[in-house]
Structures are given as structure tokens and as C-alpha cells.
Amino acid sequence: MIHLLKSKVGRLRILAILEGISLLSLVFIAVPMKHWLGNPSLVRILGPVHGTLFLLFLFNTLSVGVEQNWKFKEITWKIILACFIPFGTFYIDNKILSKL
């Protein structure tokens, strides 16, 4: 895991996993707790954490895309789209990022 921190792509992969975990936690744990149990406390905590990770992921995707000369229509848009879909960042990490 430490070797991933040495490159921008590696850091993007770590952000992808963290962003994916935060999205899943928010969608499948925090939001149901808020609506079904009337307890919004977890949403108040996870919402800003997820938002921060989401923005970091987007900015890093664009930064790495420019640095690596990715064609937006071939790679970058797929990676950005993945962060909007539950499990998407895990898929994109496996199919694209791990191969870079």
C-alpha cells in the first residue's frame, strides 16, 4: 500500500477506494438510518467526509489526466462517472487505474 503513495496514479487509486467506501457508507448505512430510524447523525458526519473525498477524487482525476495525457473521451470521463455510481470507483480501479 505504501508504494501507491509514491505516484499520482497511486494516490488517485487510494482516493478512489476511500471515495467508494464513503459513498457506500452514506448510501447504504447513513441515509437509511436517517429516513427509517429518524437518526440523521451519521449523515451529518459522513456527508462532509464524502463531499471532501469526492472533490479530492475529481480534482486528482483531472490532474492525473492532464499529467498522463489521457484523452478525455477515452479515460477521464469514465473515471469521473465512476464516482457517481455505487461500486463504480472499485470497478474503475480494477479495470483502468490498476493497469496504469
PDB file of N, CA and C in Angstrom:
ATOM      1  N   MET A   1       0.823  -1.196   0.000  1.00  0.00           N
ATOM      2  CA  MET A   1       0.000   0.000   0.000  1.00  0.00           C
ATOM      3  C   MET A   1       0.868   1.262   0.000  1.00  0.00           C
ATOM      4  N   ILE A   2       2.010   1.220   0.655  1.00  0.00           N
ATOM      5  CA  ILE A   2       2.871   2.386   0.741  1.00  0.00           C
ATOM      6  C   ILE A   2       3.418   2.756  -0.643  1.00  0.00           C
ATOM      7  N   HIS A   3       3.653   1.766  -1.493  1.00  0.00           N
ATOM      8  CA  HIS A   3       4.157   2.069  -2.835  1.00  0.00           C
ATOM      9  C   HIS A   3       3.161   2.896  -3.646  1.00  0.00           C
ATOM     10  N   LEU A   4       1.874   2.818  -3.317  1.00  0.00           N
ATOM     11  CA  LEU A   4       0.870   3.595  -4.024  1.00  0.00           C
ATOM     12  C   LEU A   4       1.012   5.092  -3.757  1.00  0.00           C
ATOM     13  N   LEU A   5       1.539   5.440  -2.598  1.00  0.00           N
ATOM     14  CA  LEU A   5       1.670   6.851  -2.236  1.00  0.00           C
ATOM     15  C   LEU A   5       2.760   7.571  -3.018  1.00  0.00           C
ATOM     16  N   LYS A   6       3.597   6.825  -3.712  1.00  0.00           N
ATOM     17  CA  LYS A   6       4.747   7.416  -4.401  1.00  0.00           C
ATOM     18  C   LYS A   6       4.410   8.032  -5.756  1.00  0.00           C
ATOM     19  N   SER A   7       3.231   7.738  -6.294  1.00  0.00           N
ATOM     20  CA  SER A   7       2.870   8.301  -7.598  1.00  0.00           C
ATOM     21  C   SER A   7       1.485   8.926  -7.535  1.00  0.00           C
ATOM     22  N   LYS A   8       1.213   9.811  -8.481  1.00  0.00           N
ATOM     23  CA  LYS A   8      -0.106  10.450  -8.529  1.00  0.00           C
ATOM     24  C   LYS A   8      -1.199   9.437  -8.849  1.00  0.00           C
ATOM     25  N   VAL A   9      -0.896   8.493  -9.704  1.00  0.00           N
ATOM     26  CA  VAL A   9      -1.883   7.455 -10.032  1.00  0.00           C
ATOM     27  C   VAL A   9      -2.157   6.600  -8.793  1.00  0.00           C
ATOM     28  N   GLY A  10      -1.125   6.290  -8.046  1.00  0.00           N
ATOM     29  CA  GLY A  10      -1.299   5.518  -6.815  1.00  0.00           C
ATOM     30  C   GLY A  10      -2.166   6.252  -5.807  1.00  0.00           C
ATOM     31  N   ARG A  11      -1.923   7.545  -5.658  1.00  0.00           N
ATOM     32  CA  ARG A  11      -2.740   8.341  -4.733  1.00  0.00           C
ATOM     33  C   ARG A  11      -4.182   8.433  -5.235  1.00  0.00           C
ATOM     34  N   LEU A  12      -4.353   8.502  -6.560  1.00  0.00           N
ATOM     35  CA  LEU A  12      -5.704   8.509  -7.131  1.00  0.00           C
ATOM     36  C   LEU A  12      -6.412   7.194  -6.831  1.00  0.00           C
ATOM     37  N   ARG A  13      -5.692   6.095  -6.910  1.00  0.00           N
ATOM     38  CA  ARG A  13      -6.290   4.789  -6.594  1.00  0.00           C
ATOM     39  C   ARG A  13      -6.741   4.730  -5.135  1.00  0.00           C
ATOM     40  N   ILE A  14      -5.927   5.255  -4.234  1.00  0.00           N
ATOM     41  CA  ILE A  14      -6.303   5.280  -2.816  1.00  0.00           C
ATOM     42  C   ILE A  14      -7.536   6.156  -2.622  1.00  0.00           C
ATOM     43  N   LEU A  15      -7.550   7.321  -3.267  1.00  0.00           N
ATOM     44  CA  LEU A  15      -8.724   8.190  -3.177  1.00  0.00           C
ATOM     45  C   LEU A  15      -9.966   7.510  -3.745  1.00  0.00           C
ATOM     46  N   ALA A  16      -9.794   6.749  -4.820  1.00  0.00           N
ATOM     47  CA  ALA A  16     -10.932   6.042  -5.420  1.00  0.00           C
ATOM     48  C   ALA A  16     -11.539   5.068  -4.420  1.00  0.00           C
ATOM     49  N   ILE A  17     -10.701   4.329  -3.718  1.00  0.00           N
ATOM     50  CA  ILE A  17     -11.194   3.359  -2.738  1.00  0.00           C
ATOM     51  C   ILE A  17     -11.873   4.079  -1.575  1.00  0.00           C
ATOM     52  N   LEU A  18     -11.236   5.130  -1.061  1.00  0.00           N
ATOM     53  CA  LEU A  18     -11.818   5.877   0.059  1.00  0.00           C
ATOM     54  C   LEU A  18     -13.131   6.545  -0.339  1.00  0.00           C
ATOM     55  N   GLU A  19     -13.172   7.117  -1.533  1.00  0.00           N
ATOM     56  CA  GLU A  19     -14.400   7.760  -2.010  1.00  0.00           C
ATOM     57  C   GLU A  19     -15.500   6.716  -2.186  1.00  0.00           C
ATOM     58  N   GLY A  20     -15.141   5.563  -2.714  1.00  0.00           N
ATOM     59  CA  GLY A  20     -16.122   4.490  -2.885  1.00  0.00           C
ATOM     60  C   GLY A  20     -16.675   3.999  -1.566  1.00  0.00           C
ATOM     61  N   ILE A  21     -15.813   3.835  -0.575  1.00  0.00           N
ATOM     62  CA  ILE A  21     -16.256   3.400   0.752  1.00  0.00           C
ATOM     63  C   ILE A  21     -17.166   4.454   1.376  1.00  0.00           C
ATOM     64  N   SER A  22     -16.792   5.722   1.225  1.00  0.00           N
ATOM     65  CA  SER A  22     -17.621   6.780   1.815  1.00  0.00           C
ATOM     66  C   SER A  22     -18.990   6.854   1.144  1.00  0.00           C
ATOM     67  N   LEU A  23     -19.040   6.677  -0.179  1.00  0.00           N
ATOM     68  CA  LEU A  23     -20.327   6.689  -0.882  1.00  0.00           C
ATOM     69  C   LEU A  23     -21.201   5.524  -0.442  1.00  0.00           C
ATOM     70  N   LEU A  24     -20.616   4.340  -0.372  1.00  0.00           N
ATOM     71  CA  LEU A  24     -21.390   3.170   0.060  1.00  0.00           C
ATOM     72  C   LEU A  24     -21.886   3.329   1.490  1.00  0.00           C
ATOM     73  N   SER A  25     -21.040   3.850   2.365  1.00  0.00           N
ATOM     74  CA  SER A  25     -21.439   4.065   3.760  1.00  0.00           C
ATOM     75  C   SER A  25     -22.579   5.067   3.849  1.00  0.00           C
ATOM     76  N   LEU A  26     -22.485   6.097   3.059  1.00  0.00           N
ATOM     77  CA  LEU A  26     -23.527   7.125   3.064  1.00  0.00           C
ATOM     78  C   LEU A  26     -24.845   6.577   2.514  1.00  0.00           C
ATOM     79  N   VAL A  27     -24.778   5.921   1.362  1.00  0.00           N
ATOM     80  CA  VAL A  27     -25.991   5.449   0.682  1.00  0.00           C
ATOM     81  C   VAL A  27     -26.644   4.261   1.397  1.00  0.00           C
ATOM     82  N   PHE A  28     -25.839   3.324   1.888  1.00  0.00           N
ATOM     83  CA  PHE A  28     -26.413   2.092   2.432  1.00  0.00           C
ATOM     84  C   PHE A  28     -26.501   2.043   3.955  1.00  0.00           C
ATOM     85  N   ILE A  29     -25.864   2.981   4.637  1.00  0.00           N
ATOM     86  CA  ILE A  29     -25.941   2.977   6.098  1.00  0.00           C
ATOM     87  C   ILE A  29     -26.533   4.279   6.628  1.00  0.00           C
ATOM     88  N   ALA A  30     -25.883   5.409   6.310  1.00  0.00           N
ATOM     89  CA  ALA A  30     -26.275   6.681   6.906  1.00  0.00           C
ATOM     90  C   ALA A  30     -27.658   7.163   6.453  1.00  0.00           C
ATOM     91  N   VAL A  31     -27.926   7.129   5.157  1.00  0.00           N
ATOM     92  CA  VAL A  31     -29.218   7.617   4.660  1.00  0.00           C
ATOM     93  C   VAL A  31     -30.376   6.731   5.146  1.00  0.00           C
ATOM     94  N   PRO A  32     -30.255   5.402   5.099  1.00  0.00           N
ATOM     95  CA  PRO A  32     -31.338   4.599   5.674  1.00  0.00           C
ATOM     96  C   PRO A  32     -31.550   4.866   7.176  1.00  0.00           C
ATOM     97  N   MET A  33     -30.452   5.083   7.908  1.00  0.00           N
ATOM     98  CA  MET A  33     -30.604   5.411   9.332  1.00  0.00           C
ATOM     99  C   MET A  33     -31.380   6.711   9.510  1.00  0.00           C
ATOM    100  N   LYS A  34     -31.104   7.665   8.631  1.00  0.00           N
ATOM    101  CA  LYS A  34     -31.780   8.950   8.722  1.00  0.00           C
ATOM    102  C   LYS A  34     -33.270   8.808   8.432  1.00  0.00           C
ATOM    103  N   HIS A  35     -33.605   8.092   7.364  1.00  0.00           N
ATOM    104  CA  HIS A  35     -35.000   8.023   6.933  1.00  0.00           C
ATOM    105  C   HIS A  35     -35.820   6.972   7.665  1.00  0.00           C
ATOM    106  N   TRP A  36     -35.237   5.842   7.982  1.00  0.00           N
ATOM    107  CA  TRP A  36     -36.009   4.781   8.616  1.00  0.00           C
ATOM    108  C   TRP A  36     -35.981   4.850  10.136  1.00  0.00           C
ATOM    109  N   LEU A  37     -34.872   5.314  10.681  1.00  0.00           N
ATOM    110  CA  LEU A  37     -34.755   5.367  12.144  1.00  0.00           C
ATOM    111  C   LEU A  37     -34.851   6.787  12.686  1.00  0.00           C
ATOM    112  N   GLY A  38     -34.937   7.757  11.798  1.00  0.00           N
ATOM    113  CA  GLY A  38     -35.038   9.142  12.226  1.00  0.00           C
ATOM    114  C   GLY A  38     -33.775   9.665  12.899  1.00  0.00           C
ATOM    115  N   ASN A  39     -32.632   9.065  12.561  1.00  0.00           N
ATOM    116  CA  ASN A  39     -31.369   9.447  13.186  1.00  0.00           C
ATOM    117  C   ASN A  39     -30.410   9.995  12.106  1.00  0.00           C
ATOM    118  N   PRO A  40     -30.354  11.332  11.964  1.00  0.00           N
ATOM    119  CA  PRO A  40     -29.513  11.924  10.922  1.00  0.00           C
ATOM    120  C   PRO A  40     -28.049  12.137  11.330  1.00  0.00           C
ATOM    121  N   SER A  41     -27.645  11.676  12.489  1.00  0.00           N
ATOM    122  CA  SER A  41     -26.299  11.983  12.989  1.00  0.00           C
ATOM    123  C   SER A  41     -25.191  11.429  12.081  1.00  0.00           C
ATOM    124  N   LEU A  42     -25.376  10.253  11.560  1.00  0.00           N
ATOM    125  CA  LEU A  42     -24.343   9.670  10.705  1.00  0.00           C
ATOM    126  C   LEU A  42     -24.234  10.410   9.365  1.00  0.00           C
ATOM    127  N   VAL A  43     -25.361  10.908   8.862  1.00  0.00           N
ATOM    128  CA  VAL A  43     -25.337  11.692   7.627  1.00  0.00           C
ATOM    129  C   VAL A  43     -24.573  12.990   7.865  1.00  0.00           C
ATOM    130  N   ARG A  44     -24.766  13.588   9.037  1.00  0.00           N
ATOM    131  CA  ARG A  44     -24.057  14.830   9.362  1.00  0.00           C
ATOM    132  C   ARG A  44     -22.541  14.617   9.417  1.00  0.00           C
ATOM    133  N   ILE A  45     -22.132  13.424   9.788  1.00  0.00           N
ATOM    134  CA  ILE A  45     -20.700  13.122   9.872  1.00  0.00           C
ATOM    135  C   ILE A  45     -20.163  12.690   8.510  1.00  0.00           C
ATOM    136  N   LEU A  46     -20.820  11.716   7.897  1.00  0.00           N
ATOM    137  CA  LEU A  46     -20.323  11.152   6.639  1.00  0.00           C
ATOM    138  C   LEU A  46     -20.523  12.059   5.430  1.00  0.00           C
ATOM    139  N   GLY A  47     -21.544  12.904   5.465  1.00  0.00           N
ATOM    140  CA  GLY A  47     -21.809  13.796   4.333  1.00  0.00           C
ATOM    141  C   GLY A  47     -20.611  14.672   3.982  1.00  0.00           C
ATOM    142  N   PRO A  48     -20.093  15.436   4.938  1.00  0.00           N
ATOM    143  CA  PRO A  48     -18.923  16.271   4.634  1.00  0.00           C
ATOM    144  C   PRO A  48     -17.660  15.458   4.312  1.00  0.00           C
ATOM    145  N   VAL A  49     -17.500  14.322   4.951  1.00  0.00           N
ATOM    146  CA  VAL A  49     -16.338  13.467   4.659  1.00  0.00           C
ATOM    147  C   VAL A  49     -16.419  12.990   3.214  1.00  0.00           C
ATOM    148  N   HIS A  50     -17.583  12.507   2.821  1.00  0.00           N
ATOM    149  CA  HIS A  50     -17.762  12.046   1.444  1.00  0.00           C
ATOM    150  C   HIS A  50     -17.586  13.204   0.455  1.00  0.00           C
ATOM    151  N   GLY A  51     -18.157  14.357   0.773  1.00  0.00           N
ATOM    152  CA  GLY A  51     -18.029  15.516  -0.107  1.00  0.00           C
ATOM    153  C   GLY A  51     -16.572  15.901  -0.333  1.00  0.00           C
ATOM    154  N   THR A  52     -15.795  15.886   0.734  1.00  0.00           N
ATOM    155  CA  THR A  52     -14.377  16.211   0.625  1.00  0.00           C
ATOM    156  C   THR A  52     -13.646  15.179  -0.224  1.00  0.00           C
ATOM    157  N   LEU A  53     -13.891  13.902   0.037  1.00  0.00           N
ATOM    158  CA  LEU A  53     -13.242  12.849  -0.750  1.00  0.00           C
ATOM    159  C   LEU A  53     -13.669  12.905  -2.216  1.00  0.00           C
ATOM    160  N   PHE A  54     -14.934  13.209  -2.443  1.00  0.00           N
ATOM    161  CA  PHE A  54     -15.462  13.336  -3.807  1.00  0.00           C
ATOM    162  C   PHE A  54     -14.720  14.430  -4.564  1.00  0.00           C
ATOM    163  N   LEU A  55     -14.585  15.609  -3.952  1.00  0.00           N
ATOM    164  CA  LEU A  55     -13.888  16.712  -4.604  1.00  0.00           C
ATOM    165  C   LEU A  55     -12.410  16.405  -4.809  1.00  0.00           C
ATOM    166  N   LEU A  56     -11.773  15.812  -3.813  1.00  0.00           N
ATOM    167  CA  LEU A  56     -10.373  15.417  -3.971  1.00  0.00           C
ATOM    168  C   LEU A  56     -10.205  14.428  -5.119  1.00  0.00           C
ATOM    169  N   PHE A  57     -11.128  13.483  -5.221  1.00  0.00           N
ATOM    170  CA  PHE A  57     -11.085  12.492  -6.295  1.00  0.00           C
ATOM    171  C   PHE A  57     -11.229  13.179  -7.661  1.00  0.00           C
ATOM    172  N   LEU A  58     -12.196  14.094  -7.776  1.00  0.00           N
ATOM    173  CA  LEU A  58     -12.398  14.791  -9.052  1.00  0.00           C
ATOM    174  C   LEU A  58     -11.172  15.605  -9.446  1.00  0.00           C
ATOM    175  N   PHE A  59     -10.664  16.408  -8.515  1.00  0.00           N
ATOM    176  CA  PHE A  59      -9.504  17.242  -8.822  1.00  0.00           C
ATOM    177  C   PHE A  59      -8.277  16.399  -9.164  1.00  0.00           C
ATOM    178  N   ASN A  60      -8.085  15.323  -8.428  1.00  0.00           N
ATOM    179  CA  ASN A  60      -6.939  14.455  -8.705  1.00  0.00           C
ATOM    180  C   ASN A  60      -7.099  13.716 -10.026  1.00  0.00           C
ATOM    181  N   THR A  61      -8.313  13.330 -10.370  1.00  0.00           N
ATOM    182  CA  THR A  61      -8.553  12.683 -11.662  1.00  0.00           C
ATOM    183  C   THR A  61      -8.176  13.622 -12.793  1.00  0.00           C
ATOM    184  N   LEU A  62      -8.620  14.865 -12.698  1.00  0.00           N
ATOM    185  CA  LEU A  62      -8.294  15.840 -13.742  1.00  0.00           C
ATOM    186  C   LEU A  62      -6.800  16.120 -13.778  1.00  0.00           C
ATOM    187  N   SER A  63      -6.168  16.228 -12.621  1.00  0.00           N
ATOM    188  CA  SER A  63      -4.730  16.483 -12.551  1.00  0.00           C
ATOM    189  C   SER A  63      -3.927  15.336 -13.166  1.00  0.00           C
ATOM    190  N   VAL A  64      -4.269  14.111 -12.794  1.00  0.00           N
ATOM    191  CA  VAL A  64      -3.570  12.947 -13.338  1.00  0.00           C
ATOM    192  C   VAL A  64      -3.861  12.816 -14.829  1.00  0.00           C
ATOM    193  N   GLY A  65      -5.089  13.095 -15.228  1.00  0.00           N
ATOM    194  CA  GLY A  65      -5.437  13.025 -16.646  1.00  0.00           C
ATOM    195  C   GLY A  65      -4.601  13.965 -17.491  1.00  0.00           C
ATOM    196  N   VAL A  66      -4.385  15.179 -16.998  1.00  0.00           N
ATOM    197  CA  VAL A  66      -3.552  16.143 -17.717  1.00  0.00           C
ATOM    198  C   VAL A  66      -2.100  15.678 -17.718  1.00  0.00           C
ATOM    199  N   GLU A  67      -1.622  15.239 -16.551  1.00  0.00           N
ATOM    200  CA  GLU A  67      -0.233  14.803 -16.433  1.00  0.00           C
ATOM    201  C   GLU A  67       0.066  13.588 -17.319  1.00  0.00           C
ATOM    202  N   GLN A  68      -0.872  12.651 -17.390  1.00  0.00           N
ATOM    203  CA  GLN A  68      -0.676  11.414 -18.147  1.00  0.00           C
ATOM    204  C   GLN A  68      -1.126  11.536 -19.610  1.00  0.00           C
ATOM    205  N   ASN A  69      -1.605  12.714 -19.994  1.00  0.00           N
ATOM    206  CA  ASN A  69      -2.113  12.951 -21.359  1.00  0.00           C
ATOM    207  C   ASN A  69      -3.250  12.000 -21.731  1.00  0.00           C
ATOM    208  N   TRP A  70      -4.151  11.758 -20.769  1.00  0.00           N
ATOM    209  CA  TRP A  70      -5.315  10.936 -21.066  1.00  0.00           C
ATOM    210  C   TRP A  70      -6.212  11.677 -22.042  1.00  0.00           C
ATOM    211  N   LYS A  71      -6.797  10.936 -22.958  1.00  0.00           N
ATOM    212  CA  LYS A  71      -7.824  11.520 -23.816  1.00  0.00           C
ATOM    213  C   LYS A  71      -9.115  11.513 -23.008  1.00  0.00           C
ATOM    214  N   PHE A  72      -9.727  12.695 -22.877  1.00  0.00           N
ATOM    215  CA  PHE A  72     -10.914  12.825 -22.035  1.00  0.00           C
ATOM    216  C   PHE A  72     -12.005  11.845 -22.451  1.00  0.00           C
ATOM    217  N   LYS A  73     -12.224  11.709 -23.754  1.00  0.00           N
ATOM    218  CA  LYS A  73     -13.300  10.838 -24.254  1.00  0.00           C
ATOM    219  C   LYS A  73     -13.007   9.356 -24.059  1.00  0.00           C
ATOM    220  N   GLU A  74     -11.770   8.989 -23.805  1.00  0.00           N
ATOM    221  CA  GLU A  74     -11.421   7.575 -23.655  1.00  0.00           C
ATOM    222  C   GLU A  74     -11.278   7.135 -22.198  1.00  0.00           C
ATOM    223  N   ILE A  75     -10.701   7.976 -21.345  1.00  0.00           N
ATOM    224  CA  ILE A  75     -10.401   7.542 -19.981  1.00  0.00           C
ATOM    225  C   ILE A  75     -11.011   8.443 -18.918  1.00  0.00           C
ATOM    226  N   THR A  76     -10.726   9.742 -19.000  1.00  0.00           N
ATOM    227  CA  THR A  76     -11.070  10.654 -17.901  1.00  0.00           C
ATOM    228  C   THR A  76     -12.553  10.648 -17.578  1.00  0.00           C
ATOM    229  N   TRP A  77     -13.418  10.712 -18.571  1.00  0.00           N
ATOM    230  CA  TRP A  77     -14.853  10.775 -18.287  1.00  0.00           C
ATOM    231  C   TRP A  77     -15.350   9.505 -17.606  1.00  0.00           C
ATOM    232  N   LYS A  78     -14.750   8.359 -17.938  1.00  0.00           N
ATOM    233  CA  LYS A  78     -15.156   7.099 -17.306  1.00  0.00           C
ATOM    234  C   LYS A  78     -14.813   7.110 -15.821  1.00  0.00           C
ATOM    235  N   ILE A  79     -13.640   7.638 -15.506  1.00  0.00           N
ATOM    236  CA  ILE A  79     -13.205   7.689 -14.110  1.00  0.00           C
ATOM    237  C   ILE A  79     -14.083   8.656 -13.329  1.00  0.00           C
ATOM    238  N   ILE A  80     -14.392   9.805 -13.930  1.00  0.00           N
ATOM    239  CA  ILE A  80     -15.264  10.770 -13.251  1.00  0.00           C
ATOM    240  C   ILE A  80     -16.663  10.196 -13.069  1.00  0.00           C
ATOM    241  N   LEU A  81     -17.199   9.554 -14.074  1.00  0.00           N
ATOM    242  CA  LEU A  81     -18.531   8.957 -13.974  1.00  0.00           C
ATOM    243  C   LEU A  81     -18.591   7.911 -12.861  1.00  0.00           C
ATOM    244  N   ALA A  82     -17.514   7.190 -12.675  1.00  0.00           N
ATOM    245  CA  ALA A  82     -17.487   6.107 -11.687  1.00  0.00           C
ATOM    246  C   ALA A  82     -17.771   6.588 -10.276  1.00  0.00           C
ATOM    247  N   CYS A  83     -17.392   7.822  -9.950  1.00  0.00           N
ATOM    248  CA  CYS A  83     -17.582   8.278  -8.578  1.00  0.00           C
ATOM    249  C   CYS A  83     -19.035   8.638  -8.289  1.00  0.00           C
ATOM    250  N   PHE A  84     -19.889   8.633  -9.280  1.00  0.00           N
ATOM    251  CA  PHE A  84     -21.314   8.893  -9.072  1.00  0.00           C
ATOM    252  C   PHE A  84     -22.118   7.609  -8.876  1.00  0.00           C
ATOM    253  N   ILE A  85     -21.499   6.473  -9.121  1.00  0.00           N
ATOM    254  CA  ILE A  85     -22.192   5.182  -9.094  1.00  0.00           C
ATOM    255  C   ILE A  85     -21.660   4.341  -7.939  1.00  0.00           C
ATOM    256  N   PRO A  86     -22.547   3.838  -7.069  1.00  0.00           N
ATOM    257  CA  PRO A  86     -22.053   2.941  -6.009  1.00  0.00           C
ATOM    258  C   PRO A  86     -21.270   1.783  -6.626  1.00  0.00           C
ATOM    259  N   PHE A  87     -20.143   1.472  -6.045  1.00  0.00           N
ATOM    260  CA  PHE A  87     -19.198   0.444  -6.502  1.00  0.00           C
ATOM    261  C   PHE A  87     -18.435   0.853  -7.763  1.00  0.00           C
ATOM    262  N   GLY A  88     -18.727   2.029  -8.326  1.00  0.00           N
ATOM    263  CA  GLY A  88     -18.089   2.463  -9.562  1.00  0.00           C
ATOM    264  C   GLY A  88     -16.594   2.686  -9.430  1.00  0.00           C
ATOM    265  N   THR A  89     -16.170   3.263  -8.316  1.00  0.00           N
ATOM    266  CA  THR A  89     -14.738   3.526  -8.167  1.00  0.00           C
ATOM    267  C   THR A  89     -13.948   2.233  -7.993  1.00  0.00           C
ATOM    268  N   PHE A  90     -14.570   1.220  -7.408  1.00  0.00           N
ATOM    269  CA  PHE A  90     -13.887  -0.072  -7.268  1.00  0.00           C
ATOM    270  C   PHE A  90     -13.712  -0.719  -8.640  1.00  0.00           C
ATOM    271  N   TYR A  91     -14.744  -0.619  -9.463  1.00  0.00           N
ATOM    272  CA  TYR A  91     -14.695  -1.165 -10.816  1.00  0.00           C
ATOM    273  C   TYR A  91     -13.625  -0.459 -11.644  1.00  0.00           C
ATOM    274  N   ILE A  92     -13.629   0.876 -11.593  1.00  0.00           N
ATOM    275  CA  ILE A  92     -12.695   1.651 -12.406  1.00  0.00           C
ATOM    276  C   ILE A  92     -11.252   1.443 -11.925  1.00  0.00           C
ATOM    277  N   ASP A  93     -11.084   1.242 -10.621  1.00  0.00           N
ATOM    278  CA  ASP A  93      -9.746   0.951 -10.108  1.00  0.00           C
ATOM    279  C   ASP A  93      -9.235  -0.358 -10.691  1.00  0.00           C
ATOM    280  N   ASN A  94     -10.105  -1.352 -10.730  1.00  0.00           N
ATOM    281  CA  ASN A  94      -9.730  -2.677 -11.242  1.00  0.00           C
ATOM    282  C   ASN A  94      -9.517  -2.662 -12.752  1.00  0.00           C
ATOM    283  N   LYS A  95     -10.368  -1.983 -13.494  1.00  0.00           N
ATOM    284  CA  LYS A  95     -10.320  -2.024 -14.958  1.00  0.00           C
ATOM    285  C   LYS A  95      -9.345  -1.025 -15.593  1.00  0.00           C
ATOM    286  N   ILE A  96      -9.141   0.134 -14.950  1.00  0.00           N
ATOM    287  CA  ILE A  96      -8.299   1.164 -15.577  1.00  0.00           C
ATOM    288  C   ILE A  96      -7.111   1.538 -14.727  1.00  0.00           C
ATOM    289  N   LEU A  97      -7.363   1.986 -13.498  1.00  0.00           N
ATOM    290  CA  LEU A  97      -6.268   2.557 -12.694  1.00  0.00           C
ATOM    291  C   LEU A  97      -5.184   1.556 -12.324  1.00  0.00           C
ATOM    292  N   SER A  98      -5.563   0.329 -12.036  1.00  0.00           N
ATOM    293  CA  SER A  98      -4.549  -0.662 -11.633  1.00  0.00           C
ATOM    294  C   SER A  98      -3.593  -1.014 -12.774  1.00  0.00           C
ATOM    295  N   LYS A  99      -4.005  -0.731 -14.001  1.00  0.00           N
ATOM    296  CA  LYS A  99      -3.179  -1.067 -15.158  1.00  0.00           C
ATOM    297  C   LYS A  99      -2.235   0.062 -15.564  1.00  0.00           C
ATOM    298  N   LEU A 100      -2.379   1.229 -14.920  1.00  0.00           N
ATOM    299  CA  LEU A 100      -1.542   2.379 -15.296  1.00  0.00           C
ATOM    300  C   LEU A 100      -0.221   2.360 -14.555  1.00  0.00           C
TER     301      LEU A 100
END
